PDB file of N, CA and C in Angstrom:
ATOM      1  N   UNK A   1       0.841  -0.880   0.049  1.00  0.00           N
ATOM      2  CA  UNK A   1      -0.421   0.133  -0.203  1.00  0.00           C
ATOM      3  C   UNK A   1       0.751   0.911  -0.059  1.00  0.00           C
ATOM      4  N   UNK A   2       0.395   1.827  -1.254  1.00  0.00           N
ATOM      5  CA  UNK A   2       1.257   3.553  -0.635  1.00  0.00           C
ATOM      6  C   UNK A   2       0.212   4.271  -1.102  1.00  0.00           C
ATOM      7  N   UNK A   3       0.428   5.213  -0.079  1.00  0.00           N
ATOM      8  CA  UNK A   3      -0.676   6.287   1.016  1.00  0.00           C
ATOM      9  C   UNK A   3      -0.307   7.334  -0.279  1.00  0.00           C
ATOM     10  N   UNK A   4       0.372   7.439  -0.462  1.00  0.00           N
ATOM     11  CA  UNK A   4       1.497   8.761  -1.674  1.00  0.00           C
ATOM     12  C   UNK A   4       0.428   8.236  -2.690  1.00  0.00           C
ATOM     13  N   UNK A   5       0.519   7.643  -3.472  1.00  0.00           N
ATOM     14  CA  UNK A   5      -0.650   7.215  -4.701  1.00  0.00           C
ATOM     15  C   UNK A   5      -2.216   7.136  -4.927  1.00  0.00           C
ATOM     16  N   UNK A   6      -2.236   7.029  -3.450  1.00  0.00           N
ATOM     17  CA  UNK A   6      -3.715   6.366  -3.322  1.00  0.00           C
ATOM     18  C   UNK A   6      -4.608   8.087  -3.294  1.00  0.00           C
ATOM     19  N   UNK A   7      -3.402   9.228  -3.465  1.00  0.00           N
ATOM     20  CA  UNK A   7      -4.140  10.626  -2.674  1.00  0.00           C
ATOM     21  C   UNK A   7      -3.485  11.343  -2.164  1.00  0.00           C
ATOM     22  N   UNK A   8      -3.158  10.494  -1.022  1.00  0.00           N
ATOM     23  CA  UNK A   8      -2.767  10.837   0.411  1.00  0.00           C
ATOM     24  C   UNK A   8      -1.317  11.373   0.692  1.00  0.00           C
ATOM     25  N   UNK A   9      -1.636  12.454   2.070  1.00  0.00           N
ATOM     26  CA  UNK A   9      -0.259  12.126   2.669  1.00  0.00           C
ATOM     27  C   UNK A   9      -0.623  11.690   4.187  1.00  0.00           C
ATOM     28  N   UNK A  10       0.653  11.964   5.119  1.00  0.00           N
ATOM     29  CA  UNK A  10       0.576  11.525   6.257  1.00  0.00           C
ATOM     30  C   UNK A  10       1.345  12.730   7.463  1.00  0.00           C
ATOM     31  N   UNK A  11       0.957  13.778   7.392  1.00  0.00           N
ATOM     32  CA  UNK A  11       2.032  14.702   8.279  1.00  0.00           C
ATOM     33  C   UNK A  11       1.554  14.089   9.344  1.00  0.00           C
ATOM     34  N   UNK A  12       2.891  14.933  10.138  1.00  0.00           N
ATOM     35  CA  UNK A  12       2.805  14.447  11.519  1.00  0.00           C
ATOM     36  C   UNK A  12       2.112  15.542  12.615  1.00  0.00           C
ATOM     37  N   UNK A  13       0.818  15.921  13.077  1.00  0.00           N
ATOM     38  CA  UNK A  13       0.538  16.307  13.565  1.00  0.00           C
ATOM     39  C   UNK A  13       0.645  16.740  14.986  1.00  0.00           C
ATOM     40  N   UNK A  14       1.096  16.241  16.040  1.00  0.00           N
ATOM     41  CA  UNK A  14       1.193  15.009  17.351  1.00  0.00           C
ATOM     42  C   UNK A  14       2.935  14.608  17.543  1.00  0.00           C
ATOM     43  N   UNK A  15       3.869  14.759  18.930  1.00  0.00           N
ATOM     44  CA  UNK A  15       4.528  14.573  19.171  1.00  0.00           C
ATOM     45  C   UNK A  15       4.726  14.308  20.399  1.00  0.00           C
ATOM     46  N   UNK A  16       4.581  13.245  21.172  1.00  0.00           N
ATOM     47  CA  UNK A  16       4.953  13.409  22.533  1.00  0.00           C
ATOM     48  C   UNK A  16       6.619  12.643  22.848  1.00  0.00           C
ATOM     49  N   UNK A  17       7.631  12.978  23.282  1.00  0.00           N
ATOM     50  CA  UNK A  17       8.457  11.911  23.917  1.00  0.00           C
ATOM     51  C   UNK A  17       8.494  12.088  25.260  1.00  0.00           C
ATOM     52  N   UNK A  18       9.594  11.001  25.776  1.00  0.00           N
ATOM     53  CA  UNK A  18       9.048  11.174  27.590  1.00  0.00           C
ATOM     54  C   UNK A  18      10.547  10.739  27.136  1.00  0.00           C
ATOM     55  N   UNK A  19      11.964  11.667  27.910  1.00  0.00           N
ATOM     56  CA  UNK A  19      13.256  11.545  27.680  1.00  0.00           C
ATOM     57  C   UNK A  19      13.870  10.487  28.743  1.00  0.00           C
ATOM     58  N   UNK A  20      14.379   9.390  29.085  1.00  0.00           N
ATOM     59  CA  UNK A  20      14.626   8.917  30.977  1.00  0.00           C
ATOM     60  C   UNK A  20      15.946   8.303  30.382  1.00  0.00           C
ATOM     61  N   UNK A  21      17.087   9.289  29.787  1.00  0.00           N
ATOM     62  CA  UNK A  21      18.355   8.540  30.318  1.00  0.00           C
ATOM     63  C   UNK A  21      19.051   9.910  29.169  1.00  0.00           C
ATOM     64  N   UNK A  22      20.355  10.040  29.093  1.00  0.00           N
ATOM     65  CA  UNK A  22      21.169  10.785  28.270  1.00  0.00           C
ATOM     66  C   UNK A  22      21.379   9.604  26.934  1.00  0.00           C
ATOM     67  N   UNK A  23      21.724   9.938  25.741  1.00  0.00           N
ATOM     68  CA  UNK A  23      22.739   9.253  24.372  1.00  0.00           C
ATOM     69  C   UNK A  23      23.777  10.140  24.275  1.00  0.00           C
ATOM     70  N   UNK A  24      25.080   9.856  23.957  1.00  0.00           N
ATOM     71  CA  UNK A  24      26.170  10.302  23.445  1.00  0.00           C
ATOM     72  C   UNK A  24      26.177  10.251  21.633  1.00  0.00           C
ATOM     73  N   UNK A  25      26.752  11.445  21.217  1.00  0.00           N
ATOM     74  CA  UNK A  25      26.874  10.763  20.141  1.00  0.00           C
ATOM     75  C   UNK A  25      27.227  10.380  18.622  1.00  0.00           C
ATOM     76  N   UNK A  26      27.815   9.565  19.987  1.00  0.00           N
ATOM     77  CA  UNK A  26      28.973   8.187  19.196  1.00  0.00           C
ATOM     78  C   UNK A  26      28.278   6.999  19.612  1.00  0.00           C
ATOM     79  N   UNK A  27      27.545   7.413  20.359  1.00  0.00           N
ATOM     80  CA  UNK A  27      26.435   5.870  20.565  1.00  0.00           C
ATOM     81  C   UNK A  27      25.688   5.828  19.824  1.00  0.00           C
ATOM     82  N   UNK A  28      25.750   4.395  19.423  1.00  0.00           N
ATOM     83  CA  UNK A  28      24.082   3.645  18.695  1.00  0.00           C
ATOM     84  C   UNK A  28      23.067   3.451  19.713  1.00  0.00           C
ATOM     85  N   UNK A  29      21.458   3.716  18.909  1.00  0.00           N
ATOM     86  CA  UNK A  29      20.730   3.606  19.446  1.00  0.00           C
ATOM     87  C   UNK A  29      20.199   2.910  18.970  1.00  0.00           C
ATOM     88  N   UNK A  30      18.452   1.864  18.852  1.00  0.00           N
ATOM     89  CA  UNK A  30      17.925   1.091  18.455  1.00  0.00           C
ATOM     90  C   UNK A  30      16.545   1.520  18.698  1.00  0.00           C
ATOM     91  N   UNK A  31      16.041   1.681  17.436  1.00  0.00           N
ATOM     92  CA  UNK A  31      14.131   2.480  17.675  1.00  0.00           C
ATOM     93  C   UNK A  31      13.510   0.980  17.716  1.00  0.00           C
ATOM     94  N   UNK A  32      12.551   0.686  18.352  1.00  0.00           N
ATOM     95  CA  UNK A  32      11.508  -0.262  17.965  1.00  0.00           C
ATOM     96  C   UNK A  32      10.413   1.071  17.646  1.00  0.00           C
ATOM     97  N   UNK A  33       9.602   0.006  16.884  1.00  0.00           N
ATOM     98  CA  UNK A  33       8.201   0.704  16.437  1.00  0.00           C
ATOM     99  C   UNK A  33       7.562   0.316  16.374  1.00  0.00           C
ATOM    100  N   UNK A  34       6.353   0.144  16.842  1.00  0.00           N
ATOM    101  CA  UNK A  34       4.880  -0.128  16.816  1.00  0.00           C
ATOM    102  C   UNK A  34       4.337   0.650  16.789  1.00  0.00           C
ATOM    103  N   UNK A  35       3.196   0.386  15.705  1.00  0.00           N
ATOM    104  CA  UNK A  35       1.775   0.965  14.946  1.00  0.00           C
ATOM    105  C   UNK A  35       0.554   0.038  16.445  1.00  0.00           C
ATOM    106  N   UNK A  36      -0.217   1.534  16.853  1.00  0.00           N
ATOM    107  CA  UNK A  36      -1.108   1.031  17.249  1.00  0.00           C
ATOM    108  C   UNK A  36      -2.261   1.613  16.485  1.00  0.00           C
ATOM    109  N   UNK A  37      -3.377   0.679  16.647  1.00  0.00           N
ATOM    110  CA  UNK A  37      -4.569   0.652  15.831  1.00  0.00           C
ATOM    111  C   UNK A  37      -5.730   1.633  16.324  1.00  0.00           C
ATOM    112  N   UNK A  38      -5.849   2.453  15.420  1.00  0.00           N
ATOM    113  CA  UNK A  38      -7.102   3.424  15.595  1.00  0.00           C
ATOM    114  C   UNK A  38      -8.613   3.194  14.762  1.00  0.00           C
ATOM    115  N   UNK A  39      -9.535   3.301  15.346  1.00  0.00           N
ATOM    116  CA  UNK A  39     -10.636   3.299  14.411  1.00  0.00           C
ATOM    117  C   UNK A  39     -10.827   4.375  13.553  1.00  0.00           C
ATOM    118  N   UNK A  40     -10.045   5.794  14.077  1.00  0.00           N
ATOM    119  CA  UNK A  40     -10.463   7.354  13.920  1.00  0.00           C
ATOM    120  C   UNK A  40      -9.014   6.956  11.930  1.00  0.00           C
ATOM    121  N   UNK A  41      -9.207   7.880  11.573  1.00  0.00           N
ATOM    122  CA  UNK A  41      -8.723   8.330   9.900  1.00  0.00           C
ATOM    123  C   UNK A  41      -7.273   8.852  10.128  1.00  0.00           C
ATOM    124  N   UNK A  42      -6.208   8.227  11.333  1.00  0.00           N
ATOM    125  CA  UNK A  42      -5.851   8.474  11.513  1.00  0.00           C
ATOM    126  C   UNK A  42      -3.746   7.651  11.790  1.00  0.00           C
ATOM    127  N   UNK A  43      -3.208   7.779  11.677  1.00  0.00           N
ATOM    128  CA  UNK A  43      -1.963   6.378  12.543  1.00  0.00           C
ATOM    129  C   UNK A  43      -1.508   7.117  13.433  1.00  0.00           C
ATOM    130  N   UNK A  44      -1.341   6.093  14.690  1.00  0.00           N
ATOM    131  CA  UNK A  44      -0.632   6.624  15.376  1.00  0.00           C
ATOM    132  C   UNK A  44       0.479   5.400  16.035  1.00  0.00           C
ATOM    133  N   UNK A  45       1.819   5.931  16.170  1.00  0.00           N
ATOM    134  CA  UNK A  45       2.970   4.807  16.288  1.00  0.00           C
ATOM    135  C   UNK A  45       3.337   4.845  17.314  1.00  0.00           C
ATOM    136  N   UNK A  46       3.855   4.161  18.514  1.00  0.00           N
ATOM    137  CA  UNK A  46       4.847   4.192  19.752  1.00  0.00           C
ATOM    138  C   UNK A  46       6.345   3.940  19.255  1.00  0.00           C
ATOM    139  N   UNK A  47       7.428   4.840  19.874  1.00  0.00           N
ATOM    140  CA  UNK A  47       8.671   3.756  19.324  1.00  0.00           C
ATOM    141  C   UNK A  47       9.443   3.990  20.962  1.00  0.00           C
ATOM    142  N   UNK A  48      10.605   3.125  21.236  1.00  0.00           N
ATOM    143  CA  UNK A  48      11.139   3.078  22.670  1.00  0.00           C
ATOM    144  C   UNK A  48      12.538   2.779  21.199  1.00  0.00           C
ATOM    145  N   UNK A  49      13.040   3.681  22.476  1.00  0.00           N
ATOM    146  CA  UNK A  49      14.462   4.216  22.003  1.00  0.00           C
ATOM    147  C   UNK A  49      15.673   3.818  22.536  1.00  0.00           C
ATOM    148  N   UNK A  50      16.465   2.520  21.991  1.00  0.00           N
ATOM    149  CA  UNK A  50      17.458   1.866  23.999  1.00  0.00           C
ATOM    150  C   UNK A  50      18.694   1.944  23.160  1.00  0.00           C
ATOM    151  N   UNK A  51      19.744   2.027  24.160  1.00  0.00           N
ATOM    152  CA  UNK A  51      21.237   2.290  24.207  1.00  0.00           C
ATOM    153  C   UNK A  51      21.185   0.551  23.872  1.00  0.00           C
ATOM    154  N   UNK A  52      21.901   0.560  22.317  1.00  0.00           N
ATOM    155  CA  UNK A  52      22.745  -0.294  22.002  1.00  0.00           C
ATOM    156  C   UNK A  52      23.371  -1.580  22.203  1.00  0.00           C
ATOM    157  N   UNK A  53      24.468  -0.808  23.128  1.00  0.00           N
ATOM    158  CA  UNK A  53      25.299  -1.305  24.512  1.00  0.00           C
ATOM    159  C   UNK A  53      24.747  -2.198  24.816  1.00  0.00           C
ATOM    160  N   UNK A  54      23.871  -1.680  25.969  1.00  0.00           N
ATOM    161  CA  UNK A  54      23.290  -2.126  27.295  1.00  0.00           C
ATOM    162  C   UNK A  54      21.645  -2.499  27.032  1.00  0.00           C
ATOM    163  N   UNK A  55      20.832  -2.211  25.892  1.00  0.00           N
ATOM    164  CA  UNK A  55      19.960  -2.568  25.996  1.00  0.00           C
ATOM    165  C   UNK A  55      18.879  -1.597  26.880  1.00  0.00           C
ATOM    166  N   UNK A  56      19.117  -0.838  27.262  1.00  0.00           N
ATOM    167  CA  UNK A  56      18.272   0.166  28.450  1.00  0.00           C
ATOM    168  C   UNK A  56      17.842   1.284  27.929  1.00  0.00           C
ATOM    169  N   UNK A  57      17.022   1.862  27.930  1.00  0.00           N
ATOM    170  CA  UNK A  57      15.491   2.404  27.346  1.00  0.00           C
ATOM    171  C   UNK A  57      16.346   4.062  27.408  1.00  0.00           C
ATOM    172  N   UNK A  58      16.431   4.753  26.679  1.00  0.00           N
ATOM    173  CA  UNK A  58      16.843   6.074  26.622  1.00  0.00           C
ATOM    174  C   UNK A  58      15.390   6.951  26.313  1.00  0.00           C
ATOM    175  N   UNK A  59      14.997   6.566  25.949  1.00  0.00           N
ATOM    176  CA  UNK A  59      13.528   7.569  25.606  1.00  0.00           C
ATOM    177  C   UNK A  59      12.089   6.184  24.998  1.00  0.00           C
ATOM    178  N   UNK A  60      10.883   6.905  25.585  1.00  0.00           N
ATOM    179  CA  UNK A  60      10.013   6.900  24.448  1.00  0.00           C
ATOM    180  C   UNK A  60       9.348   8.019  23.660  1.00  0.00           C
ATOM    181  N   UNK A  61       8.407   7.038  22.680  1.00  0.00           N
ATOM    182  CA  UNK A  61       7.181   8.759  22.193  1.00  0.00           C
ATOM    183  C   UNK A  61       6.437   8.054  21.615  1.00  0.00           C
ATOM    184  N   UNK A  62       5.339   8.840  20.805  1.00  0.00           N
ATOM    185  CA  UNK A  62       4.070   8.706  20.506  1.00  0.00           C
ATOM    186  C   UNK A  62       4.179   9.427  19.009  1.00  0.00           C
ATOM    187  N   UNK A  63       3.982   9.098  17.975  1.00  0.00           N
ATOM    188  CA  UNK A  63       3.792  10.265  17.044  1.00  0.00           C
ATOM    189  C   UNK A  63       1.954   9.691  16.615  1.00  0.00           C
ATOM    190  N   UNK A  64       1.591  11.088  16.315  1.00  0.00           N
ATOM    191  CA  UNK A  64       0.097  10.877  15.755  1.00  0.00           C
ATOM    192  C   UNK A  64       0.324  11.166  13.883  1.00  0.00           C
ATOM    193  N   UNK A  65      -0.315  10.628  13.363  1.00  0.00           N
ATOM    194  CA  UNK A  65      -0.025  11.287  11.471  1.00  0.00           C
ATOM    195  C   UNK A  65      -1.570  11.277  11.389  1.00  0.00           C
ATOM    196  N   UNK A  66      -2.158  12.725  10.602  1.00  0.00           N
ATOM    197  CA  UNK A  66      -3.745  12.397  10.293  1.00  0.00           C
ATOM    198  C   UNK A  66      -3.095  12.555   8.775  1.00  0.00           C
ATOM    199  N   UNK A  67      -4.846  11.733   7.937  1.00  0.00           N
ATOM    200  CA  UNK A  67      -5.185  11.555   6.490  1.00  0.00           C
ATOM    201  C   UNK A  67      -4.805  12.494   5.664  1.00  0.00           C
ATOM    202  N   UNK A  68      -4.316  13.971   4.808  1.00  0.00           N
ATOM    203  CA  UNK A  68      -4.356  14.681   4.200  1.00  0.00           C
ATOM    204  C   UNK A  68      -4.599  14.764   2.808  1.00  0.00           C
ATOM    205  N   UNK A  69      -5.443  15.346   1.960  1.00  0.00           N
ATOM    206  CA  UNK A  69      -5.521  14.821   0.691  1.00  0.00           C
ATOM    207  C   UNK A  69      -3.930  15.566   0.292  1.00  0.00           C
ATOM    208  N   UNK A  70      -3.537  14.850  -0.549  1.00  0.00           N
ATOM    209  CA  UNK A  70      -2.243  16.002  -1.929  1.00  0.00           C
ATOM    210  C   UNK A  70      -2.985  17.635  -2.053  1.00  0.00           C
ATOM    211  N   UNK A  71      -4.721  18.011  -1.922  1.00  0.00           N
ATOM    212  CA  UNK A  71      -4.369  19.708  -2.182  1.00  0.00           C
ATOM    213  C   UNK A  71      -4.929  19.901  -0.501  1.00  0.00           C
ATOM    214  N   UNK A  72      -4.048  19.363   0.608  1.00  0.00           N
ATOM    215  CA  UNK A  72      -4.186  20.299   1.279  1.00  0.00           C
ATOM    216  C   UNK A  72      -5.217  19.488   2.068  1.00  0.00           C
ATOM    217  N   UNK A  73      -6.450  18.726   2.128  1.00  0.00           N
ATOM    218  CA  UNK A  73      -7.487  18.703   2.993  1.00  0.00           C
ATOM    219  C   UNK A  73      -7.486  16.968   3.630  1.00  0.00           C
ATOM    220  N   UNK A  74      -7.391  17.758   5.151  1.00  0.00           N
ATOM    221  CA  UNK A  74      -7.777  16.205   6.207  1.00  0.00           C
ATOM    222  C   UNK A  74      -9.201  15.848   6.016  1.00  0.00           C
ATOM    223  N   UNK A  75      -8.915  14.575   5.745  1.00  0.00           N
ATOM    224  CA  UNK A  75      -9.781  13.383   5.312  1.00  0.00           C
ATOM    225  C   UNK A  75     -10.407  13.421   7.572  1.00  0.00           C
ATOM    226  N   UNK A  76     -12.161  13.813   7.176  1.00  0.00           N
ATOM    227  CA  UNK A  76     -12.320  12.885   8.789  1.00  0.00           C
ATOM    228  C   UNK A  76     -12.522  11.591   8.708  1.00  0.00           C
ATOM    229  N   UNK A  77     -12.811  11.217   7.315  1.00  0.00           N
ATOM    230  CA  UNK A  77     -12.983   9.027   7.705  1.00  0.00           C
ATOM    231  C   UNK A  77     -12.087   8.381   6.804  1.00  0.00           C
ATOM    232  N   UNK A  78     -11.885   7.028   7.559  1.00  0.00           N
ATOM    233  CA  UNK A  78     -11.480   6.299   7.472  1.00  0.00           C
ATOM    234  C   UNK A  78     -10.803   6.317   5.810  1.00  0.00           C
ATOM    235  N   UNK A  79      -9.664   6.281   4.814  1.00  0.00           N
ATOM    236  CA  UNK A  79      -9.935   6.376   3.794  1.00  0.00           C
ATOM    237  C   UNK A  79     -10.079   4.779   3.206  1.00  0.00           C
ATOM    238  N   UNK A  80     -11.058   4.995   1.879  1.00  0.00           N
ATOM    239  CA  UNK A  80     -11.580   3.207   2.019  1.00  0.00           C
ATOM    240  C   UNK A  80     -10.469   2.285   1.960  1.00  0.00           C
ATOM    241  N   UNK A  81      -9.173   2.840   1.293  1.00  0.00           N
ATOM    242  CA  UNK A  81      -8.111   1.725   0.856  1.00  0.00           C
ATOM    243  C   UNK A  81      -7.394   1.295   2.574  1.00  0.00           C
ATOM    244  N   UNK A  82      -7.863   2.377   3.606  1.00  0.00           N
ATOM    245  CA  UNK A  82      -6.740   2.216   5.120  1.00  0.00           C
ATOM    246  C   UNK A  82      -7.692   1.119   5.219  1.00  0.00           C
ATOM    247  N   UNK A  83      -8.970   0.640   5.263  1.00  0.00           N
ATOM    248  CA  UNK A  83      -9.527  -0.118   5.579  1.00  0.00           C
ATOM    249  C   UNK A  83      -9.048  -1.241   5.538  1.00  0.00           C
ATOM    250  N   UNK A  84      -8.902  -1.644   4.121  1.00  0.00           N
ATOM    251  CA  UNK A  84      -8.893  -3.328   4.064  1.00  0.00           C
ATOM    252  C   UNK A  84      -7.531  -3.813   4.485  1.00  0.00           C
TER     253      UNK A  84
END
């Protein structure tokens, strides 16, 4: 499924981040992303960011994206292609 080919873009409209531990520029981080199901016309993702060396959680986050037509109009109902 390509959202853009279906006539939509999905801008991020809300971001929440909870910083739990500092990370240094030279450290490698692992980002785990999980999709959160919603009946509304939006995409919700939750993230856990780990320090690779010890897999300790550095941050937790959540983003919300809304469906918007290429013309810039927000879609209030779930697009047909997304229900499938």
